[in-house]
Amino acid sequence: MNQETEVIQEDVYGFLHKAEVSVAALCEKLGWLIVMDKDQATKLDSTQTQSVTAKEEVVRLKDQVKGLHGLKKKMEERGKRVTELEKKVTELEAALQKAEEEFTEKMANEAASTYGVGFEAALEQVRLLCPSANISVVDANKAVLDGRLVDSSMLSCFRTLIML
């Protein structure tokens, strides 16, 4: 039995050696797996950090877009208001121009009326002071030029020619 024990012992040593080699190989693989696991954990942490940062950026951008939509709405409302005010300004300018024209016409009519009333008052004074004077040819649209009555528009032309 001694020889059998030796063979068994040799077989056990062989198995133990194979087991040691296998354990060493497994330990080496386990070491690689641990290193790879650490690399993967680092990558996972980095990816998670990037994901959180990206989510925060998305929230920030959504808020910014919401704010821009609000500004766009305000600008559209203000654009409408500007259009309304421009229309109102145009209406007011037209009304002002009409009022100015009416005022100018009214003032011209009042001036002509006042001139006519003054002219008639002057004629009444001449009739009073000089009852024998012939004032039938007197006209508010005539002026005296060289001792004769001439049309006032002719007098204006004559004065323009003299100035030239």
C-alpha atoms as a PDB file:
ATOM      1  CA  MET A   1       0.000   0.000   0.000  1.00  0.00           C
ATOM      2  CA  ASN A   2       2.761   2.282   0.279  1.00  0.00           C
ATOM      3  CA  GLN A   3       3.106   2.485  -3.381  1.00  0.00           C
ATOM      4  CA  GLU A   4      -0.565   3.180  -3.751  1.00  0.00           C
ATOM      5  CA  THR A   5      -0.325   5.865  -1.151  1.00  0.00           C
ATOM      6  CA  GLU A   6       2.560   7.386  -2.992  1.00  0.00           C
ATOM      7  CA  VAL A   7       0.620   7.315  -6.271  1.00  0.00           C
ATOM      8  CA  ILE A   8      -2.384   8.782  -4.546  1.00  0.00           C
ATOM      9  CA  GLN A   9      -0.185  11.327  -2.885  1.00  0.00           C
ATOM     10  CA  GLU A  10       1.402  12.195  -6.238  1.00  0.00           C
ATOM     11  CA  ASP A  11      -2.049  12.426  -7.782  1.00  0.00           C
ATOM     12  CA  VAL A  12      -3.169  14.668  -4.925  1.00  0.00           C
ATOM     13  CA  TYR A  13      -0.063  16.824  -5.369  1.00  0.00           C
ATOM     14  CA  GLY A  14      -0.756  16.975  -9.119  1.00  0.00           C
ATOM     15  CA  PHE A  15      -4.355  17.971  -8.467  1.00  0.00           C
ATOM     16  CA  LEU A  16      -3.232  20.459  -5.856  1.00  0.00           C
ATOM     17  CA  HIS A  17      -0.718  21.915  -8.279  1.00  0.00           C
ATOM     18  CA  LYS A  18      -3.400  22.161 -10.964  1.00  0.00           C
ATOM     19  CA  ALA A  19      -5.715  23.687  -8.391  1.00  0.00           C
ATOM     20  CA  GLU A  20      -3.006  26.206  -7.417  1.00  0.00           C
ATOM     21  CA  VAL A  21      -2.406  27.059 -11.064  1.00  0.00           C
ATOM     22  CA  SER A  22      -6.164  27.355 -11.616  1.00  0.00           C
ATOM     23  CA  VAL A  23      -6.518  29.474  -8.475  1.00  0.00           C
ATOM     24  CA  ALA A  24      -3.638  31.700  -9.608  1.00  0.00           C
ATOM     25  CA  ALA A  25      -5.209  32.028 -13.064  1.00  0.00           C
ATOM     26  CA  LEU A  26      -8.602  32.744 -11.489  1.00  0.00           C
ATOM     27  CA  CYS A  27      -7.036  35.305  -9.137  1.00  0.00           C
ATOM     28  CA  GLU A  28      -5.366  36.982 -12.100  1.00  0.00           C
ATOM     29  CA  LYS A  29      -8.683  36.995 -13.985  1.00  0.00           C
ATOM     30  CA  LEU A  30     -10.426  38.262 -10.867  1.00  0.00           C
ATOM     31  CA  GLY A  31      -7.831  41.060 -10.632  1.00  0.00           C
ATOM     32  CA  TRP A  32      -8.534  41.997 -14.253  1.00  0.00           C
ATOM     33  CA  LEU A  33     -12.240  41.864 -13.590  1.00  0.00           C
ATOM     34  CA  ILE A  34     -11.844  44.110 -10.549  1.00  0.00           C
ATOM     35  CA  VAL A  35      -9.804  46.600 -12.602  1.00  0.00           C
ATOM     36  CA  MET A  36     -12.377  46.423 -15.407  1.00  0.00           C
ATOM     37  CA  ASP A  37     -15.180  46.746 -12.875  1.00  0.00           C
ATOM     38  CA  LYS A  38     -13.498  49.865 -11.436  1.00  0.00           C
ATOM     39  CA  ASP A  39     -13.118  51.288 -14.973  1.00  0.00           C
ATOM     40  CA  GLN A  40     -16.753  50.520 -15.692  1.00  0.00           C
ATOM     41  CA  ALA A  41     -17.805  52.060 -12.374  1.00  0.00           C
ATOM     42  CA  THR A  42     -15.764  55.182 -13.183  1.00  0.00           C
ATOM     43  CA  LYS A  43     -17.328  55.338 -16.644  1.00  0.00           C
ATOM     44  CA  LEU A  44     -20.772  54.786 -15.131  1.00  0.00           C
ATOM     45  CA  ASP A  45     -20.173  57.581 -12.596  1.00  0.00           C
ATOM     46  CA  SER A  46     -18.979  59.867 -15.378  1.00  0.00           C
ATOM     47  CA  THR A  47     -21.995  58.959 -17.511  1.00  0.00           C
ATOM     48  CA  GLN A  48     -24.353  59.556 -14.595  1.00  0.00           C
ATOM     49  CA  THR A  49     -22.722  62.929 -13.896  1.00  0.00           C
ATOM     50  CA  GLN A  50     -23.052  63.851 -17.582  1.00  0.00           C
ATOM     51  CA  SER A  51     -26.669  62.698 -17.521  1.00  0.00           C
ATOM     52  CA  VAL A  52     -27.448  64.884 -14.491  1.00  0.00           C
ATOM     53  CA  THR A  53     -25.681  67.848 -16.113  1.00  0.00           C
ATOM     54  CA  ALA A  54     -27.568  67.267 -19.361  1.00  0.00           C
ATOM     55  CA  LYS A  55     -30.897  67.066 -17.511  1.00  0.00           C
ATOM     56  CA  GLU A  56     -30.125  70.320 -15.684  1.00  0.00           C
ATOM     57  CA  GLU A  57     -29.228  71.942 -19.015  1.00  0.00           C
ATOM     58  CA  VAL A  58     -32.502  70.688 -20.537  1.00  0.00           C
ATOM     59  CA  VAL A  59     -34.465  72.205 -17.636  1.00  0.00           C
ATOM     60  CA  ARG A  60     -32.560  75.485 -18.006  1.00  0.00           C
ATOM     61  CA  LEU A  61     -33.160  75.557 -21.757  1.00  0.00           C
ATOM     62  CA  LYS A  62     -36.859  74.750 -21.307  1.00  0.00           C
ATOM     63  CA  ASP A  63     -37.161  77.671 -18.877  1.00  0.00           C
ATOM     64  CA  GLN A  64     -35.337  79.882 -21.339  1.00  0.00           C
ATOM     65  CA  VAL A  65     -37.655  78.788 -24.172  1.00  0.00           C
ATOM     66  CA  LYS A  66     -40.668  79.463 -21.958  1.00  0.00           C
ATOM     67  CA  GLY A  67     -39.319  82.944 -21.228  1.00  0.00           C
ATOM     68  CA  LEU A  68     -38.700  83.555 -24.921  1.00  0.00           C
ATOM     69  CA  HIS A  69     -42.261  82.486 -25.738  1.00  0.00           C
ATOM     70  CA  GLY A  70     -43.473  85.033 -23.174  1.00  0.00           C
ATOM     71  CA  LEU A  71     -41.310  87.726 -24.762  1.00  0.00           C
ATOM     72  CA  LYS A  72     -42.557  86.760 -28.213  1.00  0.00           C
ATOM     73  CA  LYS A  73     -46.156  87.090 -27.043  1.00  0.00           C
ATOM     74  CA  LYS A  74     -45.417  90.511 -25.499  1.00  0.00           C
ATOM     75  CA  MET A  75     -43.699  91.636 -28.699  1.00  0.00           C
ATOM     76  CA  GLU A  76     -46.684  90.499 -30.783  1.00  0.00           C
ATOM     77  CA  GLU A  77     -49.052  92.369 -28.452  1.00  0.00           C
ATOM     78  CA  ARG A  78     -46.858  95.466 -28.603  1.00  0.00           C
ATOM     79  CA  GLY A  79     -46.670  95.140 -32.380  1.00  0.00           C
ATOM     80  CA  LYS A  80     -50.460  95.147 -32.502  1.00  0.00           C
ATOM     81  CA  ARG A  81     -50.519  98.156 -30.174  1.00  0.00           C
ATOM     82  CA  VAL A  82     -47.973  99.984 -32.337  1.00  0.00           C
ATOM     83  CA  THR A  83     -50.123  99.279 -35.415  1.00  0.00           C
ATOM     84  CA  GLU A  84     -53.185 100.592 -33.590  1.00  0.00           C
ATOM     85  CA  LEU A  85     -51.282 103.707 -32.479  1.00  0.00           C
ATOM     86  CA  GLU A  86     -49.908 104.303 -35.982  1.00  0.00           C
ATOM     87  CA  LYS A  87     -53.471 104.098 -37.319  1.00  0.00           C
ATOM     88  CA  LYS A  88     -54.621 106.515 -34.614  1.00  0.00           C
ATOM     89  CA  VAL A  89     -51.756 108.911 -35.446  1.00  0.00           C
ATOM     90  CA  THR A  90     -52.750 108.801 -39.128  1.00  0.00           C
ATOM     91  CA  GLU A  91     -56.366 109.530 -38.204  1.00  0.00           C
ATOM     92  CA  LEU A  92     -55.308 112.387 -35.901  1.00  0.00           C
ATOM     93  CA  GLU A  93     -52.998 113.846 -38.563  1.00  0.00           C
ATOM     94  CA  ALA A  94     -55.872 113.766 -41.076  1.00  0.00           C
ATOM     95  CA  ALA A  95     -58.203 115.374 -38.522  1.00  0.00           C
ATOM     96  CA  LEU A  96     -55.561 118.021 -37.727  1.00  0.00           C
ATOM     97  CA  GLN A  97     -55.031 118.799 -41.408  1.00  0.00           C
ATOM     98  CA  LYS A  98     -58.794 119.104 -41.899  1.00  0.00           C
ATOM     99  CA  ALA A  99     -59.079 121.348 -38.825  1.00  0.00           C
ATOM    100  CA  GLU A 100     -56.193 123.520 -40.069  1.00  0.00           C
ATOM    101  CA  GLU A 101     -57.831 123.822 -43.490  1.00  0.00           C
ATOM    102  CA  GLU A 102     -61.188 124.680 -41.906  1.00  0.00           C
ATOM    103  CA  PHE A 103     -59.505 127.214 -39.590  1.00  0.00           C
ATOM    104  CA  THR A 104     -57.592 128.792 -42.486  1.00  0.00           C
ATOM    105  CA  GLU A 105     -60.794 129.011 -44.527  1.00  0.00           C
ATOM    106  CA  LYS A 106     -62.686 130.449 -41.549  1.00  0.00           C
ATOM    107  CA  MET A 107     -59.955 133.018 -40.899  1.00  0.00           C
ATOM    108  CA  ALA A 108     -59.852 133.958 -44.596  1.00  0.00           C
ATOM    109  CA  ASN A 109     -63.640 134.356 -44.594  1.00  0.00           C
ATOM    110  CA  GLU A 110     -63.520 136.438 -41.413  1.00  0.00           C
ATOM    111  CA  ALA A 111     -60.708 138.576 -42.837  1.00  0.00           C
ATOM    112  CA  ALA A 112     -62.642 139.088 -46.067  1.00  0.00           C
ATOM    113  CA  SER A 113     -65.793 139.874 -44.112  1.00  0.00           C
ATOM    114  CA  THR A 114     -63.917 142.304 -41.848  1.00  0.00           C
ATOM    115  CA  TYR A 115     -62.301 143.885 -44.900  1.00  0.00           C
ATOM    116  CA  GLY A 116     -65.690 144.161 -46.580  1.00  0.00           C
ATOM    117  CA  VAL A 117     -67.277 145.664 -43.454  1.00  0.00           C
ATOM    118  CA  GLY A 118     -64.359 148.109 -43.107  1.00  0.00           C
ATOM    119  CA  PHE A 119     -64.600 149.028 -46.774  1.00  0.00           C
ATOM    120  CA  GLU A 120     -68.338 149.683 -46.451  1.00  0.00           C
ATOM    121  CA  ALA A 121     -67.692 151.761 -43.291  1.00  0.00           C
ATOM    122  CA  ALA A 122     -65.131 153.820 -45.227  1.00  0.00           C
ATOM    123  CA  LEU A 123     -67.641 154.365 -48.038  1.00  0.00           C
ATOM    124  CA  GLU A 124     -70.237 155.511 -45.478  1.00  0.00           C
ATOM    125  CA  GLN A 125     -67.728 158.025 -44.116  1.00  0.00           C
ATOM    126  CA  VAL A 126     -67.016 159.317 -47.652  1.00  0.00           C
ATOM    127  CA  ARG A 127     -70.791 159.674 -48.321  1.00  0.00           C
ATOM    128  CA  LEU A 128     -71.117 161.570 -45.070  1.00  0.00           C
ATOM    129  CA  LEU A 129     -68.143 163.844 -45.584  1.00  0.00           C
ATOM    130  CA  CYS A 130     -68.564 164.336 -49.305  1.00  0.00           C
ATOM    131  CA  PRO A 131     -72.209 163.687 -50.280  1.00  0.00           C
ATOM    132  CA  SER A 132     -71.682 164.899 -53.839  1.00  0.00           C
ATOM    133  CA  ALA A 133     -68.831 162.434 -54.581  1.00  0.00           C
ATOM    134  CA  ASN A 134     -69.580 159.701 -57.152  1.00  0.00           C
ATOM    135  CA  ILE A 135     -68.604 156.476 -55.386  1.00  0.00           C
ATOM    136  CA  SER A 136     -70.478 154.145 -57.754  1.00  0.00           C
ATOM    137  CA  VAL A 137     -67.236 153.028 -59.433  1.00  0.00           C
ATOM    138  CA  VAL A 138     -65.509 152.297 -56.112  1.00  0.00           C
ATOM    139  CA  ASP A 139     -64.690 148.583 -55.715  1.00  0.00           C
ATOM    140  CA  ALA A 140     -62.908 146.782 -52.886  1.00  0.00           C
ATOM    141  CA  ASN A 141     -60.930 144.822 -55.504  1.00  0.00           C
ATOM    142  CA  LYS A 142     -59.473 147.978 -57.087  1.00  0.00           C
ATOM    143  CA  ALA A 143     -56.498 150.112 -56.149  1.00  0.00           C
ATOM    144  CA  VAL A 144     -55.303 153.598 -57.134  1.00  0.00           C
ATOM    145  CA  LEU A 145     -52.380 153.716 -59.564  1.00  0.00           C
ATOM    146  CA  ASP A 146     -51.262 156.944 -61.164  1.00  0.00           C
ATOM    147  CA  GLY A 147     -54.552 158.633 -60.293  1.00  0.00           C
ATOM    148  CA  ARG A 148     -56.698 155.854 -61.806  1.00  0.00           C
ATOM    149  CA  LEU A 149     -58.592 152.867 -60.363  1.00  0.00           C
ATOM    150  CA  VAL A 150     -57.045 149.557 -61.463  1.00  0.00           C
ATOM    151  CA  ASP A 151     -57.722 145.932 -60.602  1.00  0.00           C
ATOM    152  CA  SER A 152     -55.730 144.958 -57.457  1.00  0.00           C
ATOM    153  CA  SER A 153     -54.304 141.870 -59.164  1.00  0.00           C
ATOM    154  CA  MET A 154     -52.878 144.129 -61.869  1.00  0.00           C
ATOM    155  CA  LEU A 155     -51.277 146.255 -59.168  1.00  0.00           C
ATOM    156  CA  SER A 156     -49.564 143.183 -57.714  1.00  0.00           C
ATOM    157  CA  CYS A 157     -48.200 142.266 -61.155  1.00  0.00           C
ATOM    158  CA  PHE A 158     -47.044 145.853 -61.711  1.00  0.00           C
ATOM    159  CA  ARG A 159     -45.231 145.946 -58.346  1.00  0.00           C
ATOM    160  CA  THR A 160     -43.523 142.623 -59.195  1.00  0.00           C
ATOM    161  CA  LEU A 161     -42.360 144.057 -62.524  1.00  0.00           C
ATOM    162  CA  ILE A 162     -41.029 147.217 -60.865  1.00  0.00           C
ATOM    163  CA  MET A 163     -39.025 145.123 -58.396  1.00  0.00           C
ATOM    164  CA  LEU A 164     -37.394 143.165 -61.205  1.00  0.00           C
END
